[in-house]
């Protein structure tokens, strides 16, 4: 299972990659939504794991565009601003999972596993 991670915080990105790779996932990480979107156009992913607040293209826009490219792509938001993601006007994918920061890396890995098993 390969995961596309979009997270602009370098430390957070590094922690997430390490935790997910340790759990056996292949992770491709980007520091902004625009470059993550380019990666999505080049290869398929099982899961888009994205921060919401990022430069260039925010996570909601990234998820919306990603879902247009691949309607089966699973989406999980990681954010300190859960209310933003839950706003029905945001046009975020309906079945996207939201994990609010701060979270324990084990919780993240468990949620990723659950989302990917729900296929």
PDB file of N, CA and C in Angstrom:
ATOM      1  N   UNK A   1       0.849  -1.187   0.000  1.00  0.00           N
ATOM      2  CA  UNK A   1       0.000   0.000   0.000  1.00  0.00           C
ATOM      3  C   UNK A   1       0.891   1.245   0.000  1.00  0.00           C
ATOM      4  N   UNK A   2       0.625   2.135  -0.918  1.00  0.00           N
ATOM      5  CA  UNK A   2       1.441   3.335  -0.959  1.00  0.00           C
ATOM      6  C   UNK A   2       0.619   4.560  -0.572  1.00  0.00           C
ATOM      7  N   UNK A   3       1.266   5.407   0.214  1.00  0.00           N
ATOM      8  CA  UNK A   3       0.612   6.577   0.790  1.00  0.00           C
ATOM      9  C   UNK A   3       1.296   7.833   0.266  1.00  0.00           C
ATOM     10  N   UNK A   4       0.481   8.798  -0.121  1.00  0.00           N
ATOM     11  CA  UNK A   4       0.989  10.107  -0.496  1.00  0.00           C
ATOM     12  C   UNK A   4       0.753  11.028   0.694  1.00  0.00           C
ATOM     13  N   UNK A   5       1.831  11.576   1.224  1.00  0.00           N
ATOM     14  CA  UNK A   5       1.754  12.466   2.378  1.00  0.00           C
ATOM     15  C   UNK A   5       2.048  13.890   1.942  1.00  0.00           C
ATOM     16  N   UNK A   6       1.163  14.800   2.291  1.00  0.00           N
ATOM     17  CA  UNK A   6       1.386  16.231   2.040  1.00  0.00           C
ATOM     18  C   UNK A   6       1.330  16.940   3.391  1.00  0.00           C
ATOM     19  N   UNK A   7       2.477  17.424   3.828  1.00  0.00           N
ATOM     20  CA  UNK A   7       2.595  18.084   5.142  1.00  0.00           C
ATOM     21  C   UNK A   7       3.707  19.106   5.051  1.00  0.00           C
ATOM     22  N   UNK A   8       3.384  20.388   5.327  1.00  0.00           N
ATOM     23  CA  UNK A   8       4.391  21.436   5.152  1.00  0.00           C
ATOM     24  C   UNK A   8       5.346  21.563   6.335  1.00  0.00           C
ATOM     25  N   UNK A   9       5.009  20.992   7.484  1.00  0.00           N
ATOM     26  CA  UNK A   9       5.899  21.040   8.644  1.00  0.00           C
ATOM     27  C   UNK A   9       6.930  19.921   8.526  1.00  0.00           C
ATOM     28  N   UNK A  10       8.195  20.320   8.401  1.00  0.00           N
ATOM     29  CA  UNK A  10       9.248  19.335   8.110  1.00  0.00           C
ATOM     30  C   UNK A  10       9.388  18.271   9.198  1.00  0.00           C
ATOM     31  N   UNK A  11       9.359  18.696  10.476  1.00  0.00           N
ATOM     32  CA  UNK A  11       9.490  17.728  11.568  1.00  0.00           C
ATOM     33  C   UNK A  11       8.315  16.757  11.585  1.00  0.00           C
ATOM     34  N   UNK A  12       7.117  17.291  11.447  1.00  0.00           N
ATOM     35  CA  UNK A  12       5.919  16.446  11.430  1.00  0.00           C
ATOM     36  C   UNK A  12       5.994  15.469  10.258  1.00  0.00           C
ATOM     37  N   UNK A  13       6.398  15.960   9.102  1.00  0.00           N
ATOM     38  CA  UNK A  13       6.495  15.113   7.910  1.00  0.00           C
ATOM     39  C   UNK A  13       7.476  13.963   8.149  1.00  0.00           C
ATOM     40  N   UNK A  14       8.612  14.290   8.732  1.00  0.00           N
ATOM     41  CA  UNK A  14       9.625  13.268   8.992  1.00  0.00           C
ATOM     42  C   UNK A  14       9.108  12.213   9.977  1.00  0.00           C
ATOM     43  N   UNK A  15       8.431  12.656  11.056  1.00  0.00           N
ATOM     44  CA  UNK A  15       7.862  11.718  12.026  1.00  0.00           C
ATOM     45  C   UNK A  15       6.831  10.806  11.378  1.00  0.00           C
ATOM     46  N   UNK A  16       5.967  11.390  10.564  1.00  0.00           N
ATOM     47  CA  UNK A  16       4.896  10.612   9.929  1.00  0.00           C
ATOM     48  C   UNK A  16       5.471   9.576   8.972  1.00  0.00           C
ATOM     49  N   UNK A  17       6.440   9.992   8.162  1.00  0.00           N
ATOM     50  CA  UNK A  17       7.061   9.060   7.217  1.00  0.00           C
ATOM     51  C   UNK A  17       7.686   7.893   7.976  1.00  0.00           C
ATOM     52  N   UNK A  18       8.427   8.216   9.027  1.00  0.00           N
ATOM     53  CA  UNK A  18       9.110   7.172   9.800  1.00  0.00           C
ATOM     54  C   UNK A  18       8.093   6.189  10.397  1.00  0.00           C
ATOM     55  N   UNK A  19       7.031   6.717  10.992  1.00  0.00           N
ATOM     56  CA  UNK A  19       6.025   5.857  11.639  1.00  0.00           C
ATOM     57  C   UNK A  19       5.317   4.973  10.616  1.00  0.00           C
ATOM     58  N   UNK A  20       4.966   5.541   9.483  1.00  0.00           N
ATOM     59  CA  UNK A  20       4.236   4.777   8.462  1.00  0.00           C
ATOM     60  C   UNK A  20       5.128   3.745   7.790  1.00  0.00           C
ATOM     61  N   UNK A  21       6.382   4.115   7.541  1.00  0.00           N
ATOM     62  CA  UNK A  21       7.304   3.144   6.937  1.00  0.00           C
ATOM     63  C   UNK A  21       7.584   1.998   7.903  1.00  0.00           C
ATOM     64  N   UNK A  22       7.695   2.319   9.182  1.00  0.00           N
ATOM     65  CA  UNK A  22       7.913   1.283  10.188  1.00  0.00           C
ATOM     66  C   UNK A  22       6.713   0.319  10.226  1.00  0.00           C
ATOM     67  N   UNK A  23       5.538   0.836   9.906  1.00  0.00           N
ATOM     68  CA  UNK A  23       4.326   0.009   9.892  1.00  0.00           C
ATOM     69  C   UNK A  23       4.183  -0.766   8.577  1.00  0.00           C
ATOM     70  N   UNK A  24       5.145  -0.574   7.666  1.00  0.00           N
ATOM     71  CA  UNK A  24       5.149  -1.369   6.445  1.00  0.00           C
ATOM     72  C   UNK A  24       4.582  -0.697   5.204  1.00  0.00           C
ATOM     73  N   UNK A  25       4.304   0.594   5.289  1.00  0.00           N
ATOM     74  CA  UNK A  25       3.750   1.312   4.130  1.00  0.00           C
ATOM     75  C   UNK A  25       4.856   1.978   3.324  1.00  0.00           C
ATOM     76  N   UNK A  26       4.625   2.121   2.035  1.00  0.00           N
ATOM     77  CA  UNK A  26       5.500   2.932   1.189  1.00  0.00           C
ATOM     78  C   UNK A  26       4.952   4.348   1.238  1.00  0.00           C
ATOM     79  N   UNK A  27       5.799   5.313   1.533  1.00  0.00           N
ATOM     80  CA  UNK A  27       5.348   6.689   1.694  1.00  0.00           C
ATOM     81  C   UNK A  27       6.107   7.606   0.744  1.00  0.00           C
ATOM     82  N   UNK A  28       5.362   8.421   0.018  1.00  0.00           N
ATOM     83  CA  UNK A  28       5.935   9.483  -0.797  1.00  0.00           C
ATOM     84  C   UNK A  28       5.510  10.787  -0.136  1.00  0.00           C
ATOM     85  N   UNK A  29       6.477  11.609   0.278  1.00  0.00           N
ATOM     86  CA  UNK A  29       6.159  12.815   1.042  1.00  0.00           C
ATOM     87  C   UNK A  29       6.445  14.077   0.248  1.00  0.00           C
ATOM     88  N   UNK A  30       5.550  15.048   0.398  1.00  0.00           N
ATOM     89  CA  UNK A  30       5.702  16.364  -0.233  1.00  0.00           C
ATOM     90  C   UNK A  30       5.426  17.442   0.793  1.00  0.00           C
ATOM     91  N   UNK A  31       6.051  18.618   0.589  1.00  0.00           N
ATOM     92  CA  UNK A  31       5.876  19.687   1.568  1.00  0.00           C
ATOM     93  C   UNK A  31       4.809  20.704   1.170  1.00  0.00           C
ATOM     94  N   UNK A  32       4.094  20.433   0.082  1.00  0.00           N
ATOM     95  CA  UNK A  32       2.977  21.312  -0.280  1.00  0.00           C
ATOM     96  C   UNK A  32       1.995  20.568  -1.183  1.00  0.00           C
ATOM     97  N   UNK A  33       0.797  21.098  -1.267  1.00  0.00           N
ATOM     98  CA  UNK A  33      -0.269  20.442  -2.020  1.00  0.00           C
ATOM     99  C   UNK A  33      -0.009  20.381  -3.512  1.00  0.00           C
ATOM    100  N   UNK A  34       0.629  21.420  -4.051  1.00  0.00           N
ATOM    101  CA  UNK A  34       0.848  21.457  -5.499  1.00  0.00           C
ATOM    102  C   UNK A  34       1.774  20.335  -5.956  1.00  0.00           C
ATOM    103  N   UNK A  35       2.868  20.121  -5.248  1.00  0.00           N
ATOM    104  CA  UNK A  35       3.788  19.058  -5.672  1.00  0.00           C
ATOM    105  C   UNK A  35       3.176  17.681  -5.390  1.00  0.00           C
ATOM    106  N   UNK A  36       2.380  17.573  -4.328  1.00  0.00           N
ATOM    107  CA  UNK A  36       1.699  16.303  -4.051  1.00  0.00           C
ATOM    108  C   UNK A  36       0.709  15.985  -5.172  1.00  0.00           C
ATOM    109  N   UNK A  37       0.017  17.007  -5.654  1.00  0.00           N
ATOM    110  CA  UNK A  37      -0.933  16.803  -6.752  1.00  0.00           C
ATOM    111  C   UNK A  37      -0.206  16.328  -8.011  1.00  0.00           C
ATOM    112  N   UNK A  38       0.962  16.908  -8.286  1.00  0.00           N
ATOM    113  CA  UNK A  38       1.745  16.464  -9.439  1.00  0.00           C
ATOM    114  C   UNK A  38       2.096  14.981  -9.312  1.00  0.00           C
ATOM    115  N   UNK A  39       2.457  14.557  -8.101  1.00  0.00           N
ATOM    116  CA  UNK A  39       2.798  13.145  -7.868  1.00  0.00           C
ATOM    117  C   UNK A  39       1.587  12.246  -8.129  1.00  0.00           C
ATOM    118  N   UNK A  40       0.409  12.717  -7.722  1.00  0.00           N
ATOM    119  CA  UNK A  40      -0.822  11.953  -7.936  1.00  0.00           C
ATOM    120  C   UNK A  40      -1.121  11.754  -9.418  1.00  0.00           C
ATOM    121  N   UNK A  41      -0.732  12.732 -10.212  1.00  0.00           N
ATOM    122  CA  UNK A  41      -0.990  12.622 -11.651  1.00  0.00           C
ATOM    123  C   UNK A  41      -0.030  11.637 -12.307  1.00  0.00           C
ATOM    124  N   UNK A  42       1.087  11.338 -11.637  1.00  0.00           N
ATOM    125  CA  UNK A  42       2.091  10.458 -12.215  1.00  0.00           C
ATOM    126  C   UNK A  42       1.913   8.998 -11.819  1.00  0.00           C
ATOM    127  N   UNK A  43       1.349   8.729 -10.653  1.00  0.00           N
ATOM    128  CA  UNK A  43       1.187   7.340 -10.221  1.00  0.00           C
ATOM    129  C   UNK A  43       0.008   7.223  -9.262  1.00  0.00           C
ATOM    130  N   UNK A  44      -0.564   6.031  -9.162  1.00  0.00           N
ATOM    131  CA  UNK A  44      -1.692   5.842  -8.246  1.00  0.00           C
ATOM    132  C   UNK A  44      -1.213   5.640  -6.807  1.00  0.00           C
ATOM    133  N   UNK A  45      -2.023   6.069  -5.867  1.00  0.00           N
ATOM    134  CA  UNK A  45      -1.758   5.869  -4.445  1.00  0.00           C
ATOM    135  C   UNK A  45      -2.988   5.243  -3.802  1.00  0.00           C
ATOM    136  N   UNK A  46      -2.776   4.567  -2.670  1.00  0.00           N
ATOM    137  CA  UNK A  46      -3.886   3.964  -1.937  1.00  0.00           C
ATOM    138  C   UNK A  46      -4.550   4.984  -1.019  1.00  0.00           C
ATOM    139  N   UNK A  47      -3.737   5.925  -0.518  1.00  0.00           N
ATOM    140  CA  UNK A  47      -4.236   6.883   0.469  1.00  0.00           C
ATOM    141  C   UNK A  47      -3.530   8.218   0.297  1.00  0.00           C
ATOM    142  N   UNK A  48      -4.314   9.286   0.392  1.00  0.00           N
ATOM    143  CA  UNK A  48      -3.772  10.639   0.474  1.00  0.00           C
ATOM    144  C   UNK A  48      -3.895  11.063   1.928  1.00  0.00           C
ATOM    145  N   UNK A  49      -2.763  11.313   2.566  1.00  0.00           N
ATOM    146  CA  UNK A  49      -2.721  11.780   3.945  1.00  0.00           C
ATOM    147  C   UNK A  49      -2.218  13.209   3.879  1.00  0.00           C
ATOM    148  N   UNK A  50      -3.092  14.159   4.190  1.00  0.00           N
ATOM    149  CA  UNK A  50      -2.717  15.551   3.971  1.00  0.00           C
ATOM    150  C   UNK A  50      -3.076  16.474   5.119  1.00  0.00           C
ATOM    151  N   UNK A  51      -2.165  17.403   5.381  1.00  0.00           N
ATOM    152  CA  UNK A  51      -2.452  18.503   6.288  1.00  0.00           C
ATOM    153  C   UNK A  51      -3.476  19.370   5.559  1.00  0.00           C
ATOM    154  N   UNK A  52      -4.219  20.178   6.297  1.00  0.00           N
ATOM    155  CA  UNK A  52      -5.190  21.050   5.637  1.00  0.00           C
ATOM    156  C   UNK A  52      -4.569  22.395   5.306  1.00  0.00           C
ATOM    157  N   UNK A  53      -3.889  22.995   6.265  1.00  0.00           N
ATOM    158  CA  UNK A  53      -3.338  24.337   6.056  1.00  0.00           C
ATOM    159  C   UNK A  53      -1.911  24.207   5.524  1.00  0.00           C
ATOM    160  N   UNK A  54      -1.756  24.499   4.226  1.00  0.00           N
ATOM    161  CA  UNK A  54      -0.443  24.421   3.569  1.00  0.00           C
ATOM    162  C   UNK A  54      -0.340  25.530   2.530  1.00  0.00           C
ATOM    163  N   UNK A  55       0.896  25.911   2.193  1.00  0.00           N
ATOM    164  CA  UNK A  55       1.076  26.911   1.131  1.00  0.00           C
ATOM    165  C   UNK A  55       0.779  26.325  -0.248  1.00  0.00           C
ATOM    166  N   UNK A  56       0.558  27.174  -1.196  1.00  0.00           N
ATOM    167  CA  UNK A  56       0.354  26.849  -2.620  1.00  0.00           C
ATOM    168  C   UNK A  56      -1.000  26.199  -2.904  1.00  0.00           C
ATOM    169  N   UNK A  57      -1.287  25.074  -2.269  1.00  0.00           N
ATOM    170  CA  UNK A  57      -2.595  24.434  -2.439  1.00  0.00           C
ATOM    171  C   UNK A  57      -2.922  23.789  -1.101  1.00  0.00           C
ATOM    172  N   UNK A  58      -4.057  24.164  -0.492  1.00  0.00           N
ATOM    173  CA  UNK A  58      -4.359  23.576   0.807  1.00  0.00           C
ATOM    174  C   UNK A  58      -4.839  22.135   0.660  1.00  0.00           C
ATOM    175  N   UNK A  59      -4.931  21.456   1.784  1.00  0.00           N
ATOM    176  CA  UNK A  59      -5.265  20.039   1.767  1.00  0.00           C
ATOM    177  C   UNK A  59      -6.650  19.728   1.230  1.00  0.00           C
ATOM    178  N   UNK A  60      -7.598  20.630   1.461  1.00  0.00           N
ATOM    179  CA  UNK A  60      -8.961  20.382   0.973  1.00  0.00           C
ATOM    180  C   UNK A  60      -9.005  20.477  -0.548  1.00  0.00           C
ATOM    181  N   UNK A  61      -8.355  21.486  -1.085  1.00  0.00           N
ATOM    182  CA  UNK A  61      -8.277  21.620  -2.543  1.00  0.00           C
ATOM    183  C   UNK A  61      -7.547  20.419  -3.143  1.00  0.00           C
ATOM    184  N   UNK A  62      -6.448  20.018  -2.497  1.00  0.00           N
ATOM    185  CA  UNK A  62      -5.690  18.859  -2.955  1.00  0.00           C
ATOM    186  C   UNK A  62      -6.578  17.614  -2.956  1.00  0.00           C
ATOM    187  N   UNK A  63      -7.318  17.407  -1.881  1.00  0.00           N
ATOM    188  CA  UNK A  63      -8.183  16.223  -1.775  1.00  0.00           C
ATOM    189  C   UNK A  63      -9.290  16.256  -2.830  1.00  0.00           C
ATOM    190  N   UNK A  64      -9.852  17.440  -3.056  1.00  0.00           N
ATOM    191  CA  UNK A  64     -10.917  17.566  -4.054  1.00  0.00           C
ATOM    192  C   UNK A  64     -10.394  17.215  -5.448  1.00  0.00           C
ATOM    193  N   UNK A  65      -9.242  17.774  -5.780  1.00  0.00           N
ATOM    194  CA  UNK A  65      -8.659  17.493  -7.096  1.00  0.00           C
ATOM    195  C   UNK A  65      -8.214  16.039  -7.214  1.00  0.00           C
ATOM    196  N   UNK A  66      -7.668  15.502  -6.127  1.00  0.00           N
ATOM    197  CA  UNK A  66      -7.217  14.113  -6.119  1.00  0.00           C
ATOM    198  C   UNK A  66      -8.394  13.171  -6.346  1.00  0.00           C
ATOM    199  N   UNK A  67      -9.530  13.485  -5.731  1.00  0.00           N
ATOM    200  CA  UNK A  67     -10.715  12.640  -5.885  1.00  0.00           C
ATOM    201  C   UNK A  67     -11.265  12.698  -7.306  1.00  0.00           C
ATOM    202  N   UNK A  68     -11.052  13.823  -7.979  1.00  0.00           N
ATOM    203  CA  UNK A  68     -11.453  13.913  -9.389  1.00  0.00           C
ATOM    204  C   UNK A  68     -10.561  13.017 -10.242  1.00  0.00           C
ATOM    205  N   UNK A  69      -9.259  12.977  -9.905  1.00  0.00           N
ATOM    206  CA  UNK A  69      -8.324  12.125 -10.637  1.00  0.00           C
ATOM    207  C   UNK A  69      -8.599  10.653 -10.379  1.00  0.00           C
ATOM    208  N   UNK A  70      -8.849  10.321  -9.109  1.00  0.00           N
ATOM    209  CA  UNK A  70      -9.032   8.933  -8.696  1.00  0.00           C
ATOM    210  C   UNK A  70     -10.151   8.865  -7.660  1.00  0.00           C
ATOM    211  N   UNK A  71     -11.381   8.591  -8.122  1.00  0.00           N
ATOM    212  CA  UNK A  71     -12.527   8.562  -7.201  1.00  0.00           C
ATOM    213  C   UNK A  71     -12.394   7.518  -6.092  1.00  0.00           C
ATOM    214  N   UNK A  72     -11.536   6.523  -6.277  1.00  0.00           N
ATOM    215  CA  UNK A  72     -11.373   5.480  -5.257  1.00  0.00           C
ATOM    216  C   UNK A  72     -10.291   5.800  -4.230  1.00  0.00           C
ATOM    217  N   UNK A  73      -9.571   6.891  -4.432  1.00  0.00           N
ATOM    218  CA  UNK A  73      -8.507   7.258  -3.512  1.00  0.00           C
ATOM    219  C   UNK A  73      -9.091   7.561  -2.137  1.00  0.00           C
ATOM    220  N   UNK A  74      -8.515   6.958  -1.121  1.00  0.00           N
ATOM    221  CA  UNK A  74      -8.943   7.242   0.243  1.00  0.00           C
ATOM    222  C   UNK A  74      -8.209   8.499   0.714  1.00  0.00           C
ATOM    223  N   UNK A  75      -8.904   9.299   1.535  1.00  0.00           N
ATOM    224  CA  UNK A  75      -8.342  10.568   1.981  1.00  0.00           C
ATOM    225  C   UNK A  75      -8.413  10.657   3.500  1.00  0.00           C
ATOM    226  N   UNK A  76      -7.309  11.095   4.089  1.00  0.00           N
ATOM    227  CA  UNK A  76      -7.297  11.369   5.528  1.00  0.00           C
ATOM    228  C   UNK A  76      -6.634  12.722   5.741  1.00  0.00           C
ATOM    229  N   UNK A  77      -7.315  13.583   6.509  1.00  0.00           N
ATOM    230  CA  UNK A  77      -6.760  14.891   6.840  1.00  0.00           C
ATOM    231  C   UNK A  77      -6.107  14.828   8.212  1.00  0.00           C
ATOM    232  N   UNK A  78      -4.959  15.472   8.346  1.00  0.00           N
ATOM    233  CA  UNK A  78      -4.347  15.672   9.656  1.00  0.00           C
ATOM    234  C   UNK A  78      -4.321  17.174   9.864  1.00  0.00           C
ATOM    235  N   UNK A  79      -4.881  17.618  10.971  1.00  0.00           N
ATOM    236  CA  UNK A  79      -5.021  19.060  11.134  1.00  0.00           C
ATOM    237  C   UNK A  79      -5.156  19.472  12.587  1.00  0.00           C
ATOM    238  N   UNK A  80      -4.754  20.678  12.850  1.00  0.00           N
ATOM    239  CA  UNK A  80      -5.031  21.295  14.138  1.00  0.00           C
ATOM    240  C   UNK A  80      -6.332  22.077  14.068  1.00  0.00           C
ATOM    241  N   UNK A  81      -6.957  22.078  12.894  1.00  0.00           N
ATOM    242  CA  UNK A  81      -8.161  22.873  12.667  1.00  0.00           C
ATOM    243  C   UNK A  81      -9.301  21.985  12.174  1.00  0.00           C
ATOM    244  N   UNK A  82      -9.736  21.026  12.989  1.00  0.00           N
ATOM    245  CA  UNK A  82     -10.741  20.058  12.564  1.00  0.00           C
ATOM    246  C   UNK A  82     -12.023  20.730  12.087  1.00  0.00           C
ATOM    247  N   UNK A  83     -12.398  21.834  12.707  1.00  0.00           N
ATOM    248  CA  UNK A  83     -13.653  22.494  12.330  1.00  0.00           C
ATOM    249  C   UNK A  83     -13.626  22.954  10.876  1.00  0.00           C
ATOM    250  N   UNK A  84     -12.452  23.325  10.393  1.00  0.00           N
ATOM    251  CA  UNK A  84     -12.314  23.760   9.003  1.00  0.00           C
ATOM    252  C   UNK A  84     -12.656  22.599   8.063  1.00  0.00           C
ATOM    253  N   UNK A  85     -12.106  21.445   8.355  1.00  0.00           N
ATOM    254  CA  UNK A  85     -12.321  20.288   7.487  1.00  0.00           C
ATOM    255  C   UNK A  85     -13.769  19.843   7.522  1.00  0.00           C
ATOM    256  N   UNK A  86     -14.412  20.000   8.670  1.00  0.00           N
ATOM    257  CA  UNK A  86     -15.772  19.510   8.826  1.00  0.00           C
ATOM    258  C   UNK A  86     -16.810  20.454   8.233  1.00  0.00           C
ATOM    259  N   UNK A  87     -16.393  21.624   7.828  1.00  0.00           N
ATOM    260  CA  UNK A  87     -17.309  22.589   7.236  1.00  0.00           C
ATOM    261  C   UNK A  87     -17.879  22.012   5.939  1.00  0.00           C
ATOM    262  N   UNK A  88     -19.211  21.847   5.848  1.00  0.00           N
ATOM    263  CA  UNK A  88     -19.788  21.228   4.653  1.00  0.00           C
ATOM    264  C   UNK A  88     -19.552  22.042   3.382  1.00  0.00           C
ATOM    265  N   UNK A  89     -19.268  23.324   3.517  1.00  0.00           N
ATOM    266  CA  UNK A  89     -19.023  24.158   2.340  1.00  0.00           C
ATOM    267  C   UNK A  89     -17.625  23.952   1.769  1.00  0.00           C
ATOM    268  N   UNK A  90     -16.777  23.221   2.475  1.00  0.00           N
ATOM    269  CA  UNK A  90     -15.381  23.092   2.064  1.00  0.00           C
ATOM    270  C   UNK A  90     -15.212  22.218   0.830  1.00  0.00           C
ATOM    271  N   UNK A  91     -16.230  21.407   0.517  1.00  0.00           N
ATOM    272  CA  UNK A  91     -16.175  20.482  -0.617  1.00  0.00           C
ATOM    273  C   UNK A  91     -15.106  19.416  -0.428  1.00  0.00           C
ATOM    274  N   UNK A  92     -14.739  19.146   0.815  1.00  0.00           N
ATOM    275  CA  UNK A  92     -13.818  18.043   1.086  1.00  0.00           C
ATOM    276  C   UNK A  92     -14.545  16.742   0.764  1.00  0.00           C
ATOM    277  N   UNK A  93     -13.815  15.710   0.335  1.00  0.00           N
ATOM    278  CA  UNK A  93     -14.471  14.429   0.056  1.00  0.00           C
ATOM    279  C   UNK A  93     -15.293  13.976   1.265  1.00  0.00           C
ATOM    280  N   UNK A  94     -16.512  13.526   1.018  1.00  0.00           N
ATOM    281  CA  UNK A  94     -17.467  13.207   2.080  1.00  0.00           C
ATOM    282  C   UNK A  94     -16.968  12.174   3.069  1.00  0.00           C
ATOM    283  N   UNK A  95     -16.291  11.159   2.585  1.00  0.00           N
ATOM    284  CA  UNK A  95     -15.892  10.072   3.475  1.00  0.00           C
ATOM    285  C   UNK A  95     -14.459  10.214   3.975  1.00  0.00           C
ATOM    286  N   UNK A  96     -13.906  11.416   3.858  1.00  0.00           N
ATOM    287  CA  UNK A  96     -12.545  11.641   4.341  1.00  0.00           C
ATOM    288  C   UNK A  96     -12.509  11.512   5.857  1.00  0.00           C
ATOM    289  N   UNK A  97     -11.449  10.932   6.345  1.00  0.00           N
ATOM    290  CA  UNK A  97     -11.229  10.770   7.785  1.00  0.00           C
ATOM    291  C   UNK A  97     -10.440  11.972   8.269  1.00  0.00           C
ATOM    292  N   UNK A  98     -10.711  12.417   9.487  1.00  0.00           N
ATOM    293  CA  UNK A  98      -9.987  13.561  10.034  1.00  0.00           C
ATOM    294  C   UNK A  98      -9.317  13.161  11.340  1.00  0.00           C
ATOM    295  N   UNK A  99      -8.028  13.412  11.418  1.00  0.00           N
ATOM    296  CA  UNK A  99      -7.267  13.142  12.628  1.00  0.00           C
ATOM    297  C   UNK A  99      -6.743  14.480  13.122  1.00  0.00           C
ATOM    298  N   UNK A 100      -7.154  14.880  14.326  1.00  0.00           N
ATOM    299  CA  UNK A 100      -6.765  16.189  14.855  1.00  0.00           C
ATOM    300  C   UNK A 100      -5.429  16.131  15.574  1.00  0.00           C
ATOM    301  N   UNK A 101      -4.594  17.123  15.287  1.00  0.00           N
ATOM    302  CA  UNK A 101      -3.326  17.251  15.994  1.00  0.00           C
ATOM    303  C   UNK A 101      -3.617  17.837  17.375  1.00  0.00           C
ATOM    304  N   UNK A 102      -2.862  17.512  18.394  1.00  0.00           N
ATOM    305  CA  UNK A 102      -1.783  16.526  18.369  1.00  0.00           C
ATOM    306  C   UNK A 102      -2.355  15.107  18.473  1.00  0.00           C
ATOM    307  N   UNK A 103      -1.667  14.165  17.893  1.00  0.00           N
ATOM    308  CA  UNK A 103      -2.082  12.771  17.988  1.00  0.00           C
ATOM    309  C   UNK A 103      -0.844  11.919  18.204  1.00  0.00           C
ATOM    310  N   UNK A 104      -1.054  10.739  18.737  1.00  0.00           N
ATOM    311  CA  UNK A 104       0.051   9.810  18.949  1.00  0.00           C
ATOM    312  C   UNK A 104       0.301   9.093  17.627  1.00  0.00           C
ATOM    313  N   UNK A 105       1.560   8.837  17.304  1.00  0.00           N
ATOM    314  CA  UNK A 105       1.880   8.180  16.032  1.00  0.00           C
ATOM    315  C   UNK A 105       1.191   6.818  15.917  1.00  0.00           C
ATOM    316  N   UNK A 106       1.035   6.122  17.045  1.00  0.00           N
ATOM    317  CA  UNK A 106       0.350   4.828  17.009  1.00  0.00           C
ATOM    318  C   UNK A 106      -1.105   5.005  16.556  1.00  0.00           C
ATOM    319  N   UNK A 107      -1.736   6.086  17.029  1.00  0.00           N
ATOM    320  CA  UNK A 107      -3.119   6.357  16.618  1.00  0.00           C
ATOM    321  C   UNK A 107      -3.191   6.615  15.120  1.00  0.00           C
ATOM    322  N   UNK A 108      -2.225   7.363  14.616  1.00  0.00           N
ATOM    323  CA  UNK A 108      -2.187   7.635  13.177  1.00  0.00           C
ATOM    324  C   UNK A 108      -2.075   6.331  12.390  1.00  0.00           C
ATOM    325  N   UNK A 109      -1.126   5.494  12.778  1.00  0.00           N
ATOM    326  CA  UNK A 109      -0.922   4.234  12.059  1.00  0.00           C
ATOM    327  C   UNK A 109      -2.181   3.368  12.134  1.00  0.00           C
ATOM    328  N   UNK A 110      -2.820   3.333  13.305  1.00  0.00           N
ATOM    329  CA  UNK A 110      -4.064   2.559  13.445  1.00  0.00           C
ATOM    330  C   UNK A 110      -5.161   3.092  12.536  1.00  0.00           C
ATOM    331  N   UNK A 111      -5.313   4.410  12.477  1.00  0.00           N
ATOM    332  CA  UNK A 111      -6.348   5.011  11.628  1.00  0.00           C
ATOM    333  C   UNK A 111      -6.057   4.754  10.152  1.00  0.00           C
ATOM    334  N   UNK A 112      -4.802   4.889   9.753  1.00  0.00           N
ATOM    335  CA  UNK A 112      -4.412   4.623   8.366  1.00  0.00           C
ATOM    336  C   UNK A 112      -4.743   3.174   8.019  1.00  0.00           C
ATOM    337  N   UNK A 113      -4.410   2.274   8.922  1.00  0.00           N
ATOM    338  CA  UNK A 113      -4.681   0.847   8.702  1.00  0.00           C
ATOM    339  C   UNK A 113      -6.184   0.615   8.528  1.00  0.00           C
ATOM    340  N   UNK A 114      -6.990   1.234   9.401  1.00  0.00           N
ATOM    341  CA  UNK A 114      -8.456   1.064   9.319  1.00  0.00           C
ATOM    342  C   UNK A 114      -8.993   1.592   7.988  1.00  0.00           C
ATOM    343  N   UNK A 115      -8.533   2.763   7.590  1.00  0.00           N
ATOM    344  CA  UNK A 115      -9.009   3.374   6.342  1.00  0.00           C
ATOM    345  C   UNK A 115      -8.656   2.477   5.151  1.00  0.00           C
ATOM    346  N   UNK A 116      -7.436   1.968   5.137  1.00  0.00           N
ATOM    347  CA  UNK A 116      -7.000   1.153   4.013  1.00  0.00           C
ATOM    348  C   UNK A 116      -7.671  -0.235   4.006  1.00  0.00           C
ATOM    349  N   UNK A 117      -8.011  -0.748   5.172  1.00  0.00           N
ATOM    350  CA  UNK A 117      -8.689  -2.042   5.235  1.00  0.00           C
ATOM    351  C   UNK A 117     -10.150  -1.945   4.816  1.00  0.00           C
ATOM    352  N   UNK A 118     -10.687  -0.748   4.872  1.00  0.00           N
ATOM    353  CA  UNK A 118     -12.105  -0.553   4.542  1.00  0.00           C
ATOM    354  C   UNK A 118     -12.359  -0.595   3.033  1.00  0.00           C
ATOM    355  N   UNK A 119     -11.330  -0.871   2.272  1.00  0.00           N
ATOM    356  CA  UNK A 119     -11.456  -0.855   0.802  1.00  0.00           C
ATOM    357  C   UNK A 119     -12.489  -1.860   0.317  1.00  0.00           C
TER     358      UNK A 119
END
